Amino acid sequence: MAVVLKCGELAPPELQALLGRYDMALAWVADEAAIPGSYWGDSEAGLIANRLLVRNDTPLHSALHEACHYICMDGRRRAGLHTDAGGGYDEENGVNYLQILLSDYIPECGRERMCADMDAWGYCFRLGSARAWFEQDAEDARQWLLTHGVIDVADRPRWRLRA
C-alpha cells in the first residue's frame, strides 16, 4: 500500500474548518469499522448528504476528493447524495483540480504533497503525473470550475457550492 498522508495525521480542526466553509460536516468512524457511504470501501472516504465520513487511516486525498465531489455536483444530485457521487468526465476533472487547490488550505499537506499522494495511490493522468496534469494540461478543468463559480480567476476557492 502506498504511503500517503492520512486524515489521522492531521489536526482535526483544520479539515473540519475547511469542510465547514462548504457547510459540510466531518464524521469520524472508529478504526477498522466500515465507512458508511464509501464507494470504494476499505479506508476510502464516504459521502452521505453533507457528511464526509473518514477513519484515521483514510487517505487525505480520498477525503478531499469526495468533499470536492460534493462541492462540484449540482444541487439535484447533492439533495439525494448517498455513496455514489456520480458526475461526468468534466466534473471529475474539476474535482481533481479543486482537491489540489484545497490541499493548500491544509497546513500538513499542500499541492506538492497532494500531487505526490495522488500519483502514489494510482490516479492516472496522460502526462504521467498529477503535477504535470495540473500545471500543463488542466485548463479545461480550471475553466469548468470557473464556469460553475467554484473558483475565481486567480484559482482561489470561492467557498461556495456549485449552483
Foldseek 3Di string as FASTA:
>chain_A
DFDAAFPLVADVVLVQVLLVLAVAGEAEDEPPDWAFQAQVTDQAWHDDQRYIYGYRRHGPLRSQLVSLLLQEDDPVLSVGDGNDSDDDDLSSLLSLLVSLLCQCSGVVGHNVRSFVRCVRVPDDDPVNTSVCCNVPPSPSSVVSCCVQQQADPVRHGPSYGRD
